[in-house]
Amino acid sequence: MAGVADRAMREMCISHGAAFSVGELTSSKGVSMGDKKSKTLLSCNDAERPMASQIFGGDPITMAEAAKVAEEFNPDFIDINMGCPAPKVISSGGGSAILKNPELAGEIVNAVVNAVSIPVTVKIRSGWDTDSINAVEVAKIVEQAGAAAITVHGRTRAQMYAPSADWGIIKAVKDAVKIPVVGNGDVVTALDAAKMYEQTGCDLVMVGRGAMGRPWIFSQINAYLGSEQMLPDPPLSQKMLTMIKQIELMNKYKDPHNAMLEARKHTAWYMHGLRGAANLRKMCATITTMDDVINIAKTAMEENEE
């Protein structure tokens, strides 16, 4: 969710019932070298709590140094990403590249745990590829190294985001460790979340891409898990107000020019499933001001009279 789950999106998700949020992927090397942008990614405020600062890297010492810096921003916990499949992250030795070296995974977790006073969690994938499914092995190692919880995405690095996630590997990890296990992969509805709990026995369900342009998914999940009440999507007017609020927050927290450029993809996600979505997304691609965002919301409502 690098470049997606920024502070504005995290606040929107928490306000709609998310149990916690995870900050954007941050390079431990960048943090240790004093990179201003990397440190900005570690900042957090009360509206997005409970919140984890998320770091990646392949060197235990550098990861420990970055974790110390991250802790200065007062996150609720530190999350080590050992699951990101992006080539840029892999080339640095971080993300899911670490799955090829389980011993290194343990060394990194141990170093970070000993460097900070807050809980440390880990996110992994099922393995590097189908010939090296080793999530259970890695999970046991990071548990022994001091991880407080582990998130498992049910795909290998080679699979990226397709085909469907294998929830069986999440269950296998849950059965193998004593620390909490968070399931991740293909949860885009409340029913998906309920099925993941039932099929894997996981302690929490993590929603990623399913929340893009749909922060209300968390309230829907909570309602279904609490009373099997299937909440419908909000009316279009409420969706558009939510979208506008998110972009206003982006504009508040970032350089306005950059915020508007990034708003283009976020607003486009809100257009999913609407009548005239193709044209609306074209409008989203030209956003430069908040007035443009408001105009898109008005156009969407005119073309989709409730």
C-alpha atoms as a PDB file:
ATOM      1  CA  MET A   1       0.000   0.000   0.000  1.00  0.00           C
ATOM      2  CA  ALA A   2       3.013   2.305  -0.449  1.00  0.00           C
ATOM      3  CA  GLY A   3       1.843   5.529  -2.031  1.00  0.00           C
ATOM      4  CA  VAL A   4      -1.756   4.655  -1.141  1.00  0.00           C
ATOM      5  CA  ALA A   5      -2.285   4.256   2.622  1.00  0.00           C
ATOM      6  CA  ASP A   6      -1.197   7.777   3.528  1.00  0.00           C
ATOM      7  CA  ARG A   7      -2.278   9.603   6.675  1.00  0.00           C
ATOM      8  CA  ALA A   8      -5.535  10.791   5.119  1.00  0.00           C
ATOM      9  CA  MET A   9      -6.578   7.302   4.057  1.00  0.00           C
ATOM     10  CA  ARG A  10      -5.558   5.828   7.400  1.00  0.00           C
ATOM     11  CA  GLU A  11      -7.668   8.384   9.250  1.00  0.00           C
ATOM     12  CA  MET A  12     -10.665   7.618   7.041  1.00  0.00           C
ATOM     13  CA  CYS A  13     -10.307   3.870   7.661  1.00  0.00           C
ATOM     14  CA  ILE A  14      -9.979   4.289  11.432  1.00  0.00           C
ATOM     15  CA  SER A  15     -13.014   6.578  11.493  1.00  0.00           C
ATOM     16  CA  HIS A  16     -14.999   3.837   9.747  1.00  0.00           C
ATOM     17  CA  GLY A  17     -14.063   1.165  12.273  1.00  0.00           C
ATOM     18  CA  ALA A  18     -10.651  -0.262  11.331  1.00  0.00           C
ATOM     19  CA  ALA A  19      -9.011  -1.911  14.366  1.00  0.00           C
ATOM     20  CA  PHE A  20      -5.624  -0.400  13.524  1.00  0.00           C
ATOM     21  CA  SER A  21      -3.720   1.133  10.637  1.00  0.00           C
ATOM     22  CA  VAL A  22      -0.261   0.571   9.183  1.00  0.00           C
ATOM     23  CA  GLY A  23       1.897   3.384   7.861  1.00  0.00           C
ATOM     24  CA  GLU A  24       3.356   3.489   4.381  1.00  0.00           C
ATOM     25  CA  LEU A  25       6.347   1.328   3.550  1.00  0.00           C
ATOM     26  CA  THR A  26       9.488   3.155   4.687  1.00  0.00           C
ATOM     27  CA  SER A  27      13.076   2.345   3.744  1.00  0.00           C
ATOM     28  CA  SER A  28      15.286   1.631   6.750  1.00  0.00           C
ATOM     29  CA  LYS A  29      18.272   2.760   4.721  1.00  0.00           C
ATOM     30  CA  GLY A  30      16.582   6.063   3.925  1.00  0.00           C
ATOM     31  CA  VAL A  31      15.706   6.606   7.573  1.00  0.00           C
ATOM     32  CA  SER A  32      19.211   5.795   8.796  1.00  0.00           C
ATOM     33  CA  MET A  33      20.666   8.249   6.272  1.00  0.00           C
ATOM     34  CA  GLY A  34      18.372  11.016   7.487  1.00  0.00           C
ATOM     35  CA  ASP A  35      16.207  11.166   4.365  1.00  0.00           C
ATOM     36  CA  LYS A  36      13.499  13.758   5.014  1.00  0.00           C
ATOM     37  CA  LYS A  37      10.801  11.965   3.004  1.00  0.00           C
ATOM     38  CA  SER A  38      11.414   8.678   4.794  1.00  0.00           C
ATOM     39  CA  LYS A  39      11.016  10.320   8.187  1.00  0.00           C
ATOM     40  CA  THR A  40       7.824  12.033   7.011  1.00  0.00           C
ATOM     41  CA  LEU A  41       6.345   8.619   6.262  1.00  0.00           C
ATOM     42  CA  LEU A  42       6.870   7.624   9.907  1.00  0.00           C
ATOM     43  CA  SER A  43       4.816  10.445  11.408  1.00  0.00           C
ATOM     44  CA  CYS A  44       1.469   9.633  12.988  1.00  0.00           C
ATOM     45  CA  ASN A  45      -1.291  11.311  14.965  1.00  0.00           C
ATOM     46  CA  ASP A  46      -4.124  10.271  17.241  1.00  0.00           C
ATOM     47  CA  ALA A  47      -6.748  10.109  14.486  1.00  0.00           C
ATOM     48  CA  GLU A  48      -5.008   7.133  12.874  1.00  0.00           C
ATOM     49  CA  ARG A  49      -4.303   5.139  16.037  1.00  0.00           C
ATOM     50  CA  PRO A  50      -3.699   2.391  16.879  1.00  0.00           C
ATOM     51  CA  MET A  51      -1.030   2.746  14.201  1.00  0.00           C
ATOM     52  CA  ALA A  52       2.161   0.953  13.196  1.00  0.00           C
ATOM     53  CA  SER A  53       5.193   2.459  11.527  1.00  0.00           C
ATOM     54  CA  GLN A  54       6.189   0.084   8.725  1.00  0.00           C
ATOM     55  CA  ILE A  55       9.848  -0.375   7.786  1.00  0.00           C
ATOM     56  CA  PHE A  56      11.711  -2.593   5.349  1.00  0.00           C
ATOM     57  CA  GLY A  57      15.301  -3.541   4.664  1.00  0.00           C
ATOM     58  CA  GLY A  58      17.704  -6.455   4.563  1.00  0.00           C
ATOM     59  CA  ASP A  59      20.313  -5.431   7.132  1.00  0.00           C
ATOM     60  CA  PRO A  60      19.619  -6.085  10.843  1.00  0.00           C
ATOM     61  CA  ILE A  61      21.737  -3.171  12.065  1.00  0.00           C
ATOM     62  CA  THR A  62      20.156  -0.658   9.708  1.00  0.00           C
ATOM     63  CA  MET A  63      16.686  -1.958  10.512  1.00  0.00           C
ATOM     64  CA  ALA A  64      17.367  -1.547  14.239  1.00  0.00           C
ATOM     65  CA  GLU A  65      18.555   2.028  13.681  1.00  0.00           C
ATOM     66  CA  ALA A  66      15.459   2.830  11.631  1.00  0.00           C
ATOM     67  CA  ALA A  67      13.202   1.303  14.278  1.00  0.00           C
ATOM     68  CA  LYS A  68      14.728   3.575  16.925  1.00  0.00           C
ATOM     69  CA  VAL A  69      14.002   6.613  14.765  1.00  0.00           C
ATOM     70  CA  ALA A  70      10.479   5.358  14.066  1.00  0.00           C
ATOM     71  CA  GLU A  71       9.827   4.955  17.787  1.00  0.00           C
ATOM     72  CA  GLU A  72      10.532   8.658  18.298  1.00  0.00           C
ATOM     73  CA  PHE A  73       7.311   9.384  16.378  1.00  0.00           C
ATOM     74  CA  ASN A  74       5.353   7.417  19.009  1.00  0.00           C
ATOM     75  CA  PRO A  75       3.693   4.710  16.900  1.00  0.00           C
ATOM     76  CA  ASP A  76       1.840   2.001  18.795  1.00  0.00           C
ATOM     77  CA  PHE A  77       4.048  -0.693  17.289  1.00  0.00           C
ATOM     78  CA  ILE A  78       6.657  -1.320  14.597  1.00  0.00           C
ATOM     79  CA  ASP A  79       5.772  -3.493  11.600  1.00  0.00           C
ATOM     80  CA  ILE A  80       8.549  -5.168   9.604  1.00  0.00           C
ATOM     81  CA  ASN A  81       7.550  -5.779   6.005  1.00  0.00           C
ATOM     82  CA  MET A  82       8.877  -9.077   4.665  1.00  0.00           C
ATOM     83  CA  GLY A  83       6.106  -9.445   2.110  1.00  0.00           C
ATOM     84  CA  CYS A  84       6.265  -6.566  -0.361  1.00  0.00           C
ATOM     85  CA  PRO A  85       6.814  -7.953  -3.894  1.00  0.00           C
ATOM     86  CA  ALA A  86       7.792  -4.648  -5.561  1.00  0.00           C
ATOM     87  CA  PRO A  87      11.033  -4.919  -7.604  1.00  0.00           C
ATOM     88  CA  LYS A  88      12.430  -1.729  -6.044  1.00  0.00           C
ATOM     89  CA  VAL A  89      12.009  -3.167  -2.555  1.00  0.00           C
ATOM     90  CA  ILE A  90      13.281  -6.605  -3.568  1.00  0.00           C
ATOM     91  CA  SER A  91      16.421  -5.148  -5.160  1.00  0.00           C
ATOM     92  CA  SER A  92      17.340  -3.568  -1.828  1.00  0.00           C
ATOM     93  CA  GLY A  93      17.200  -6.954  -0.123  1.00  0.00           C
ATOM     94  CA  GLY A  94      13.983  -6.097   1.719  1.00  0.00           C
ATOM     95  CA  GLY A  95      10.353  -7.134   1.466  1.00  0.00           C
ATOM     96  CA  SER A  96       9.675 -10.678   0.340  1.00  0.00           C
ATOM     97  CA  ALA A  97      13.335 -11.123  -0.694  1.00  0.00           C
ATOM     98  CA  ILE A  98      13.963 -11.968   2.977  1.00  0.00           C
ATOM     99  CA  LEU A  99      11.774 -15.056   2.627  1.00  0.00           C
ATOM    100  CA  LYS A 100      14.644 -16.657   0.734  1.00  0.00           C
ATOM    101  CA  ASN A 101      16.750 -16.429   3.907  1.00  0.00           C
ATOM    102  CA  PRO A 102      14.697 -17.409   6.982  1.00  0.00           C
ATOM    103  CA  GLU A 103      17.702 -17.087   9.282  1.00  0.00           C
ATOM    104  CA  LEU A 104      18.111 -13.454   8.226  1.00  0.00           C
ATOM    105  CA  ALA A 105      14.439 -12.886   8.999  1.00  0.00           C
ATOM    106  CA  GLY A 106      15.098 -13.984  12.570  1.00  0.00           C
ATOM    107  CA  GLU A 107      18.184 -11.792  12.871  1.00  0.00           C
ATOM    108  CA  ILE A 108      16.287  -8.724  11.675  1.00  0.00           C
ATOM    109  CA  VAL A 109      13.377  -9.281  14.050  1.00  0.00           C
ATOM    110  CA  ASN A 110      15.717  -9.903  16.961  1.00  0.00           C
ATOM    111  CA  ALA A 111      17.667  -6.724  16.228  1.00  0.00           C
ATOM    112  CA  VAL A 112      14.532  -4.575  15.965  1.00  0.00           C
ATOM    113  CA  VAL A 113      12.900  -6.089  19.055  1.00  0.00           C
ATOM    114  CA  ASN A 114      15.996  -5.327  21.096  1.00  0.00           C
ATOM    115  CA  ALA A 115      16.205  -1.779  19.721  1.00  0.00           C
ATOM    116  CA  VAL A 116      12.740  -0.560  20.729  1.00  0.00           C
ATOM    117  CA  SER A 117      10.409  -0.706  23.720  1.00  0.00           C
ATOM    118  CA  ILE A 118       7.156  -1.185  21.769  1.00  0.00           C
ATOM    119  CA  PRO A 119       5.784  -4.364  20.141  1.00  0.00           C
ATOM    120  CA  VAL A 120       7.226  -5.512  16.817  1.00  0.00           C
ATOM    121  CA  THR A 121       5.131  -7.317  14.227  1.00  0.00           C
ATOM    122  CA  VAL A 122       6.048  -8.939  10.923  1.00  0.00           C
ATOM    123  CA  LYS A 123       4.274  -9.309   7.592  1.00  0.00           C
ATOM    124  CA  ILE A 124       5.206 -12.149   5.240  1.00  0.00           C
ATOM    125  CA  ARG A 125       3.928 -13.962   2.164  1.00  0.00           C
ATOM    126  CA  SER A 126       3.493 -17.705   1.751  1.00  0.00           C
ATOM    127  CA  GLY A 127       6.973 -17.920   0.246  1.00  0.00           C
ATOM    128  CA  TRP A 128       9.172 -16.704  -2.589  1.00  0.00           C
ATOM    129  CA  ASP A 129       7.570 -18.978  -5.204  1.00  0.00           C
ATOM    130  CA  THR A 130       5.544 -22.176  -5.383  1.00  0.00           C
ATOM    131  CA  ASP A 131       8.710 -24.263  -4.997  1.00  0.00           C
ATOM    132  CA  SER A 132       9.607 -22.575  -1.725  1.00  0.00           C
ATOM    133  CA  ILE A 133       6.458 -22.211   0.384  1.00  0.00           C
ATOM    134  CA  ASN A 134       8.043 -21.551   3.776  1.00  0.00           C
ATOM    135  CA  ALA A 135       5.650 -19.282   5.662  1.00  0.00           C
ATOM    136  CA  VAL A 136       5.366 -21.738   8.558  1.00  0.00           C
ATOM    137  CA  GLU A 137       9.147 -21.971   8.908  1.00  0.00           C
ATOM    138  CA  VAL A 138       9.591 -18.208   8.786  1.00  0.00           C
ATOM    139  CA  ALA A 139       6.714 -17.650  11.213  1.00  0.00           C
ATOM    140  CA  LYS A 140       8.277 -19.972  13.793  1.00  0.00           C
ATOM    141  CA  ILE A 141      11.623 -18.227  13.434  1.00  0.00           C
ATOM    142  CA  VAL A 142      10.266 -14.691  13.853  1.00  0.00           C
ATOM    143  CA  GLU A 143       8.120 -15.826  16.784  1.00  0.00           C
ATOM    144  CA  GLN A 144      11.238 -17.178  18.473  1.00  0.00           C
ATOM    145  CA  ALA A 145      13.030 -13.912  17.690  1.00  0.00           C
ATOM    146  CA  GLY A 146      10.421 -11.912  19.580  1.00  0.00           C
ATOM    147  CA  ALA A 147       7.729 -10.892  17.093  1.00  0.00           C
ATOM    148  CA  ALA A 148       4.468  -9.978  18.853  1.00  0.00           C
ATOM    149  CA  ALA A 149       2.269 -10.974  15.898  1.00  0.00           C
ATOM    150  CA  ILE A 150       2.558 -11.993  12.275  1.00  0.00           C
ATOM    151  CA  THR A 151       0.518 -11.132   9.190  1.00  0.00           C
ATOM    152  CA  VAL A 152       0.389 -13.700   6.395  1.00  0.00           C
ATOM    153  CA  HIS A 153      -0.543 -12.831   2.820  1.00  0.00           C
ATOM    154  CA  GLY A 154      -1.685 -15.968   1.020  1.00  0.00           C
ATOM    155  CA  ARG A 155       0.402 -15.578  -2.134  1.00  0.00           C
ATOM    156  CA  THR A 156       4.039 -16.058  -3.035  1.00  0.00           C
ATOM    157  CA  ARG A 157       6.197 -13.194  -4.220  1.00  0.00           C
ATOM    158  CA  ALA A 158       6.158 -14.691  -7.730  1.00  0.00           C
ATOM    159  CA  GLN A 159       2.346 -14.575  -7.764  1.00  0.00           C
ATOM    160  CA  MET A 160       2.275 -10.869  -6.888  1.00  0.00           C
ATOM    161  CA  TYR A 161      -1.506 -10.240  -6.633  1.00  0.00           C
ATOM    162  CA  ALA A 162      -2.928 -13.099  -8.709  1.00  0.00           C
ATOM    163  CA  PRO A 163      -4.303 -15.782  -8.743  1.00  0.00           C
ATOM    164  CA  SER A 164      -6.582 -16.011  -5.701  1.00  0.00           C
ATOM    165  CA  ALA A 165      -4.875 -16.013  -2.308  1.00  0.00           C
ATOM    166  CA  ASP A 166      -4.307 -19.368  -0.618  1.00  0.00           C
ATOM    167  CA  TRP A 167      -5.904 -19.030   2.803  1.00  0.00           C
ATOM    168  CA  GLY A 168      -4.709 -22.531   3.676  1.00  0.00           C
ATOM    169  CA  ILE A 169      -1.228 -21.214   4.367  1.00  0.00           C
ATOM    170  CA  ILE A 170      -2.694 -18.715   6.834  1.00  0.00           C
ATOM    171  CA  LYS A 171      -4.329 -21.590   8.732  1.00  0.00           C
ATOM    172  CA  ALA A 172      -1.071 -23.547   8.654  1.00  0.00           C
ATOM    173  CA  VAL A 173       0.779 -20.631  10.252  1.00  0.00           C
ATOM    174  CA  LYS A 174      -1.984 -20.136  12.820  1.00  0.00           C
ATOM    175  CA  ASP A 175      -1.716 -23.788  13.793  1.00  0.00           C
ATOM    176  CA  ALA A 176       2.079 -23.552  14.088  1.00  0.00           C
ATOM    177  CA  VAL A 177       2.624 -20.498  16.305  1.00  0.00           C
ATOM    178  CA  LYS A 178       1.296 -19.105  19.577  1.00  0.00           C
ATOM    179  CA  ILE A 179       1.457 -15.401  18.688  1.00  0.00           C
ATOM    180  CA  PRO A 180      -1.556 -13.746  17.016  1.00  0.00           C
ATOM    181  CA  VAL A 181      -1.853 -14.314  13.261  1.00  0.00           C
ATOM    182  CA  VAL A 182      -3.416 -11.755  10.935  1.00  0.00           C
ATOM    183  CA  GLY A 183      -4.843 -13.060   7.663  1.00  0.00           C
ATOM    184  CA  ASN A 184      -4.458 -11.051   4.465  1.00  0.00           C
ATOM    185  CA  GLY A 185      -5.455 -11.474   0.845  1.00  0.00           C
ATOM    186  CA  ASP A 186      -8.663 -11.102  -1.201  1.00  0.00           C
ATOM    187  CA  VAL A 187     -10.831  -9.613   1.544  1.00  0.00           C
ATOM    188  CA  VAL A 188     -13.064  -7.118  -0.264  1.00  0.00           C
ATOM    189  CA  THR A 189     -16.420  -7.689   1.482  1.00  0.00           C
ATOM    190  CA  ALA A 190     -17.708  -8.380   4.971  1.00  0.00           C
ATOM    191  CA  LEU A 191     -18.534 -11.927   3.918  1.00  0.00           C
ATOM    192  CA  ASP A 192     -14.933 -12.428   2.777  1.00  0.00           C
ATOM    193  CA  ALA A 193     -13.712 -11.408   6.225  1.00  0.00           C
ATOM    194  CA  ALA A 194     -16.111 -13.807   7.946  1.00  0.00           C
ATOM    195  CA  LYS A 195     -15.040 -16.652   5.668  1.00  0.00           C
ATOM    196  CA  MET A 196     -11.364 -15.958   6.348  1.00  0.00           C
ATOM    197  CA  TYR A 197     -11.932 -16.132  10.096  1.00  0.00           C
ATOM    198  CA  GLU A 198     -13.878 -19.374   9.707  1.00  0.00           C
ATOM    199  CA  GLN A 199     -11.462 -21.077   7.316  1.00  0.00           C
ATOM    200  CA  THR A 200      -8.166 -20.019   8.931  1.00  0.00           C
ATOM    201  CA  GLY A 201      -8.860 -19.399  12.615  1.00  0.00           C
ATOM    202  CA  CYS A 202      -6.822 -16.198  12.320  1.00  0.00           C
ATOM    203  CA  ASP A 203      -6.989 -13.574  15.070  1.00  0.00           C
ATOM    204  CA  LEU A 204      -7.519 -10.548  12.829  1.00  0.00           C
ATOM    205  CA  VAL A 205      -8.197  -9.871   9.165  1.00  0.00           C
ATOM    206  CA  MET A 206      -6.156  -7.259   7.301  1.00  0.00           C
ATOM    207  CA  VAL A 207      -7.799  -5.328   4.475  1.00  0.00           C
ATOM    208  CA  GLY A 208      -5.572  -3.681   1.886  1.00  0.00           C
ATOM    209  CA  ARG A 209      -6.714  -3.038  -1.670  1.00  0.00           C
ATOM    210  CA  GLY A 210     -10.315  -3.701  -0.629  1.00  0.00           C
ATOM    211  CA  ALA A 211     -10.329  -0.374   1.230  1.00  0.00           C
ATOM    212  CA  MET A 212      -9.203   1.765  -1.713  1.00  0.00           C
ATOM    213  CA  GLY A 213     -12.061   4.158  -2.365  1.00  0.00           C
ATOM    214  CA  ARG A 214     -14.145   2.136   0.118  1.00  0.00           C
ATOM    215  CA  PRO A 215     -13.168   2.991   3.716  1.00  0.00           C
ATOM    216  CA  TRP A 216     -16.672   1.998   4.868  1.00  0.00           C
ATOM    217  CA  ILE A 217     -15.735  -1.660   4.343  1.00  0.00           C
ATOM    218  CA  PHE A 218     -14.556  -1.741   7.968  1.00  0.00           C
ATOM    219  CA  SER A 219     -17.941  -0.729   9.372  1.00  0.00           C
ATOM    220  CA  GLN A 220     -19.540  -3.353   7.124  1.00  0.00           C
ATOM    221  CA  ILE A 221     -17.173  -6.044   8.400  1.00  0.00           C
ATOM    222  CA  ASN A 222     -17.760  -5.057  12.026  1.00  0.00           C
ATOM    223  CA  ALA A 223     -21.530  -5.120  11.584  1.00  0.00           C
ATOM    224  CA  TYR A 224     -21.515  -8.553   9.976  1.00  0.00           C
ATOM    225  CA  LEU A 225     -19.123 -10.088  12.485  1.00  0.00           C
ATOM    226  CA  GLY A 226     -21.007  -8.542  15.397  1.00  0.00           C
ATOM    227  CA  SER A 227     -24.579  -9.403  14.440  1.00  0.00           C
ATOM    228  CA  GLU A 228     -24.497 -10.886  10.928  1.00  0.00           C
ATOM    229  CA  GLN A 229     -26.001  -7.647   9.688  1.00  0.00           C
ATOM    230  CA  MET A 230     -25.060  -7.043   6.055  1.00  0.00           C
ATOM    231  CA  LEU A 231     -24.780  -3.277   5.772  1.00  0.00           C
ATOM    232  CA  PRO A 232     -25.250  -1.923   2.248  1.00  0.00           C
ATOM    233  CA  ASP A 233     -22.811   0.549   0.779  1.00  0.00           C
ATOM    234  CA  PRO A 234     -23.514   4.135   1.837  1.00  0.00           C
ATOM    235  CA  PRO A 235     -25.714   6.209  -0.483  1.00  0.00           C
ATOM    236  CA  LEU A 236     -23.791   7.898  -3.273  1.00  0.00           C
ATOM    237  CA  SER A 237     -24.099  11.301  -1.608  1.00  0.00           C
ATOM    238  CA  GLN A 238     -22.318   9.947   1.471  1.00  0.00           C
ATOM    239  CA  LYS A 239     -19.658   8.258  -0.644  1.00  0.00           C
ATOM    240  CA  MET A 240     -18.898  11.534  -2.365  1.00  0.00           C
ATOM    241  CA  LEU A 241     -18.744  13.427   0.936  1.00  0.00           C
ATOM    242  CA  THR A 242     -16.324  10.794   2.237  1.00  0.00           C
ATOM    243  CA  MET A 243     -14.191  11.163  -0.884  1.00  0.00           C
ATOM    244  CA  ILE A 244     -14.114  14.950  -0.562  1.00  0.00           C
ATOM    245  CA  LYS A 245     -13.139  14.728   3.110  1.00  0.00           C
ATOM    246  CA  GLN A 246     -10.279  12.339   2.306  1.00  0.00           C
ATOM    247  CA  ILE A 247      -8.891  14.630  -0.374  1.00  0.00           C
ATOM    248  CA  GLU A 248      -9.240  17.637   1.936  1.00  0.00           C
ATOM    249  CA  LEU A 249      -7.137  15.789   4.497  1.00  0.00           C
ATOM    250  CA  MET A 250      -4.541  14.970   1.837  1.00  0.00           C
ATOM    251  CA  ASN A 251      -4.417  18.638   0.928  1.00  0.00           C
ATOM    252  CA  LYS A 252      -3.963  19.503   4.603  1.00  0.00           C
ATOM    253  CA  TYR A 253      -1.118  17.088   5.264  1.00  0.00           C
ATOM    254  CA  LYS A 254       0.839  17.365   2.011  1.00  0.00           C
ATOM    255  CA  ASP A 255       2.137  19.918  -0.422  1.00  0.00           C
ATOM    256  CA  PRO A 256      -1.086  20.977  -2.208  1.00  0.00           C
ATOM    257  CA  HIS A 257       0.320  20.341  -5.683  1.00  0.00           C
ATOM    258  CA  ASN A 258       1.436  16.810  -4.814  1.00  0.00           C
ATOM    259  CA  ALA A 259      -1.791  16.172  -2.929  1.00  0.00           C
ATOM    260  CA  MET A 260      -3.855  16.960  -6.005  1.00  0.00           C
ATOM    261  CA  LEU A 261      -1.727  14.726  -8.192  1.00  0.00           C
ATOM    262  CA  GLU A 262      -2.163  11.850  -5.751  1.00  0.00           C
ATOM    263  CA  ALA A 263      -5.870  12.627  -5.416  1.00  0.00           C
ATOM    264  CA  ARG A 264      -6.354  11.510  -8.997  1.00  0.00           C
ATOM    265  CA  LYS A 265      -5.972   7.818  -8.205  1.00  0.00           C
ATOM    266  CA  HIS A 266      -7.924   7.989  -4.941  1.00  0.00           C
ATOM    267  CA  THR A 267     -10.929   9.692  -6.524  1.00  0.00           C
ATOM    268  CA  ALA A 268     -10.846   7.225  -9.419  1.00  0.00           C
ATOM    269  CA  TRP A 269     -11.224   4.347  -6.946  1.00  0.00           C
ATOM    270  CA  TYR A 270     -14.353   5.993  -5.556  1.00  0.00           C
ATOM    271  CA  MET A 271     -15.863   5.883  -9.064  1.00  0.00           C
ATOM    272  CA  HIS A 272     -15.853   2.087  -9.220  1.00  0.00           C
ATOM    273  CA  GLY A 273     -19.227   0.651 -10.171  1.00  0.00           C
ATOM    274  CA  LEU A 274     -20.870   3.964 -10.998  1.00  0.00           C
ATOM    275  CA  ARG A 275     -22.745   4.734 -14.183  1.00  0.00           C
ATOM    276  CA  GLY A 276     -20.402   6.693 -16.449  1.00  0.00           C
ATOM    277  CA  ALA A 277     -17.374   5.504 -14.482  1.00  0.00           C
ATOM    278  CA  ALA A 278     -15.056   5.599 -17.503  1.00  0.00           C
ATOM    279  CA  ASN A 279     -15.742   9.274 -18.131  1.00  0.00           C
ATOM    280  CA  LEU A 280     -15.600  10.077 -14.425  1.00  0.00           C
ATOM    281  CA  ARG A 281     -12.169   8.454 -14.163  1.00  0.00           C
ATOM    282  CA  LYS A 282     -10.996  10.589 -17.083  1.00  0.00           C
ATOM    283  CA  MET A 283     -12.086  13.636 -15.100  1.00  0.00           C
ATOM    284  CA  CYS A 284     -10.215  12.311 -12.080  1.00  0.00           C
ATOM    285  CA  ALA A 285      -7.047  12.114 -14.166  1.00  0.00           C
ATOM    286  CA  THR A 286      -7.051  15.888 -14.662  1.00  0.00           C
ATOM    287  CA  ILE A 287      -7.597  17.036 -11.051  1.00  0.00           C
ATOM    288  CA  THR A 288      -5.570  20.086 -10.020  1.00  0.00           C
ATOM    289  CA  THR A 289      -7.765  21.734  -7.347  1.00  0.00           C
ATOM    290  CA  MET A 290     -10.366  20.893  -4.705  1.00  0.00           C
ATOM    291  CA  ASP A 291     -12.946  22.507  -6.966  1.00  0.00           C
ATOM    292  CA  ASP A 292     -12.194  19.775  -9.500  1.00  0.00           C
ATOM    293  CA  VAL A 293     -12.832  17.133  -6.847  1.00  0.00           C
ATOM    294  CA  ILE A 294     -16.153  18.726  -5.886  1.00  0.00           C
ATOM    295  CA  ASN A 295     -17.153  18.985  -9.539  1.00  0.00           C
ATOM    296  CA  ILE A 296     -16.458  15.285 -10.057  1.00  0.00           C
ATOM    297  CA  ALA A 297     -18.617  14.467  -7.044  1.00  0.00           C
ATOM    298  CA  LYS A 298     -21.459  16.585  -8.443  1.00  0.00           C
ATOM    299  CA  THR A 299     -21.129  14.998 -11.887  1.00  0.00           C
ATOM    300  CA  ALA A 300     -21.162  11.501 -10.400  1.00  0.00           C
ATOM    301  CA  MET A 301     -24.368  12.272  -8.511  1.00  0.00           C
ATOM    302  CA  GLU A 302     -26.038  13.815 -11.556  1.00  0.00           C
ATOM    303  CA  GLU A 303     -25.270  10.742 -13.650  1.00  0.00           C
ATOM    304  CA  ASN A 304     -26.323   8.363 -10.891  1.00  0.00           C
ATOM    305  CA  GLU A 305     -29.483   9.877  -9.447  1.00  0.00           C
ATOM    306  CA  GLU A 306     -30.325   8.104  -6.248  1.00  0.00           C
END
